[in-house]
């Protein structure tokens, strides 16, 4: 996808601060963080949303989330997927948000 910001990051056309990377995923700092340390786990292969992710990548996605959480020593965090426009998905390239949490951070999720 030539106009996809995440595809451009994966290809090196746009810079982003990478935290971790493997063959299938990159973990980058969110350019507009909601909390300190807000990260995005992004598949390197373009897929529109969670339902479009190649089935063989689901376990690798969770392994990457666990690896970065362990690497950073995060204890309290939210994992968020905004799937589709009405759910708040702003970029049409699937990604997981990792939101480190601490008392008094002022961020809240309604569930």
Protein backbone atom coordinates (compact mmCIF):
# COMPACT_ATOMS: atom_id res chain seq x y z
CA UNK A 1 0.00 0.00 0.00
CA UNK A 2 1.82 3.08 -1.27
CA UNK A 3 -0.12 5.56 0.87
CA UNK A 4 -0.09 3.57 4.14
CA UNK A 5 1.97 5.28 6.86
CA UNK A 6 2.86 1.98 8.55
CA UNK A 7 3.97 0.41 5.27
CA UNK A 8 6.18 3.46 4.70
CA UNK A 9 7.68 3.02 8.19
CA UNK A 10 8.32 -0.68 7.54
CA UNK A 11 10.07 0.19 4.24
CA UNK A 12 12.12 2.97 5.86
CA UNK A 13 10.41 5.81 3.97
CA UNK A 14 9.21 7.40 7.21
CA UNK A 15 11.26 7.34 10.36
CA UNK A 16 9.90 5.96 13.61
CA UNK A 17 11.53 5.03 16.87
CA UNK A 18 11.72 1.23 16.80
CA UNK A 19 11.71 -0.61 20.11
CA UNK A 20 11.80 -4.17 18.78
CA UNK A 21 11.66 -5.90 15.42
CA UNK A 22 11.53 -9.39 14.00
CA UNK A 23 10.79 -10.92 10.62
CA UNK A 24 7.01 -10.28 10.83
CA UNK A 25 6.48 -7.30 13.18
CA UNK A 26 7.90 -4.00 14.32
CA UNK A 27 7.23 -2.31 17.64
CA UNK A 28 7.41 1.47 17.50
CA UNK A 29 6.72 4.37 19.81
CA UNK A 30 3.40 6.01 19.04
CA UNK A 31 3.89 9.45 17.42
CA UNK A 32 0.90 10.77 19.42
CA UNK A 33 1.13 8.88 22.72
CA UNK A 34 -1.92 8.67 24.99
CA UNK A 35 0.31 7.75 27.95
CA UNK A 36 4.06 7.69 28.55
CA UNK A 37 5.61 4.72 26.74
CA UNK A 38 2.66 4.16 24.34
CA UNK A 39 3.77 1.55 21.77
CA UNK A 40 2.37 0.09 18.58
CA UNK A 41 2.90 -3.49 17.41
CA UNK A 42 2.61 -3.45 13.62
CA UNK A 43 2.72 -6.35 11.17
CA UNK A 44 5.22 -5.74 8.40
CA UNK A 45 2.84 -7.15 5.81
CA UNK A 46 -0.06 -4.80 5.14
CA UNK A 47 -3.41 -5.94 6.45
CA UNK A 48 -6.38 -3.63 6.88
CA UNK A 49 -7.60 -4.81 10.28
CA UNK A 50 -7.53 -7.59 12.87
CA UNK A 51 -9.74 -9.84 10.75
CA UNK A 52 -7.41 -9.41 7.76
CA UNK A 53 -4.26 -10.59 9.56
CA UNK A 54 -2.86 -13.83 8.15
CA UNK A 55 -4.00 -16.61 10.49
CA UNK A 56 -0.43 -17.86 10.81
CA UNK A 57 0.64 -14.54 12.37
CA UNK A 58 -1.75 -14.45 15.34
CA UNK A 59 0.50 -16.44 17.68
CA UNK A 60 3.56 -14.48 16.54
CA UNK A 61 1.72 -11.25 17.27
CA UNK A 62 1.04 -12.27 20.85
CA UNK A 63 4.60 -13.54 21.25
CA UNK A 64 5.89 -10.13 20.10
CA UNK A 65 3.58 -8.35 22.57
CA UNK A 66 4.85 -10.56 25.39
CA UNK A 67 8.47 -10.09 24.34
CA UNK A 68 8.28 -6.30 24.39
CA UNK A 69 6.30 -6.24 27.65
CA UNK A 70 8.92 -8.51 29.26
CA UNK A 71 11.82 -6.52 27.76
CA UNK A 72 10.47 -3.27 29.20
CA UNK A 73 9.41 -4.83 32.50
CA UNK A 74 5.82 -3.63 32.17
CA UNK A 75 3.49 -4.88 34.89
CA UNK A 76 0.35 -2.78 34.36
CA UNK A 77 -0.72 -2.11 30.79
CA UNK A 78 -3.65 -2.14 28.40
CA UNK A 79 -3.66 -3.93 25.05
CA UNK A 80 -6.00 -2.19 22.64
CA UNK A 81 -7.12 -2.91 19.10
CA UNK A 82 -9.31 -0.36 17.35
CA UNK A 83 -10.91 -2.45 14.62
CA UNK A 84 -12.70 -0.38 12.01
CA UNK A 85 -13.57 3.29 11.67
CA UNK A 86 -16.46 3.20 14.15
CA UNK A 87 -14.14 1.66 16.75
CA UNK A 88 -11.59 4.45 16.35
CA UNK A 89 -9.18 2.86 13.87
CA UNK A 90 -7.49 5.89 12.28
CA UNK A 91 -4.93 4.04 10.12
CA UNK A 92 -6.12 1.22 7.89
CA UNK A 93 -3.23 -1.07 8.78
CA UNK A 94 -3.83 -3.37 11.73
CA UNK A 95 -1.87 -2.59 14.89
CA UNK A 96 -1.96 -3.35 18.61
CA UNK A 97 -1.56 -0.53 21.12
CA UNK A 98 0.43 -1.27 24.29
CA UNK A 99 -0.42 1.37 26.88
CA UNK A 100 1.76 1.21 30.00
CA UNK A 101 -0.28 2.30 33.02
CA UNK A 102 0.57 3.89 36.31
CA UNK A 103 -1.53 5.34 39.06
CA UNK A 104 -2.74 8.84 38.28
CA UNK A 105 -1.78 8.75 34.59
CA UNK A 106 -5.13 10.37 33.73
CA UNK A 107 -5.98 7.84 31.04
CA UNK A 108 -9.02 5.63 31.19
CA UNK A 109 -10.77 3.09 29.04
CA UNK A 110 -14.49 2.55 29.09
CA UNK A 111 -15.37 -1.13 28.76
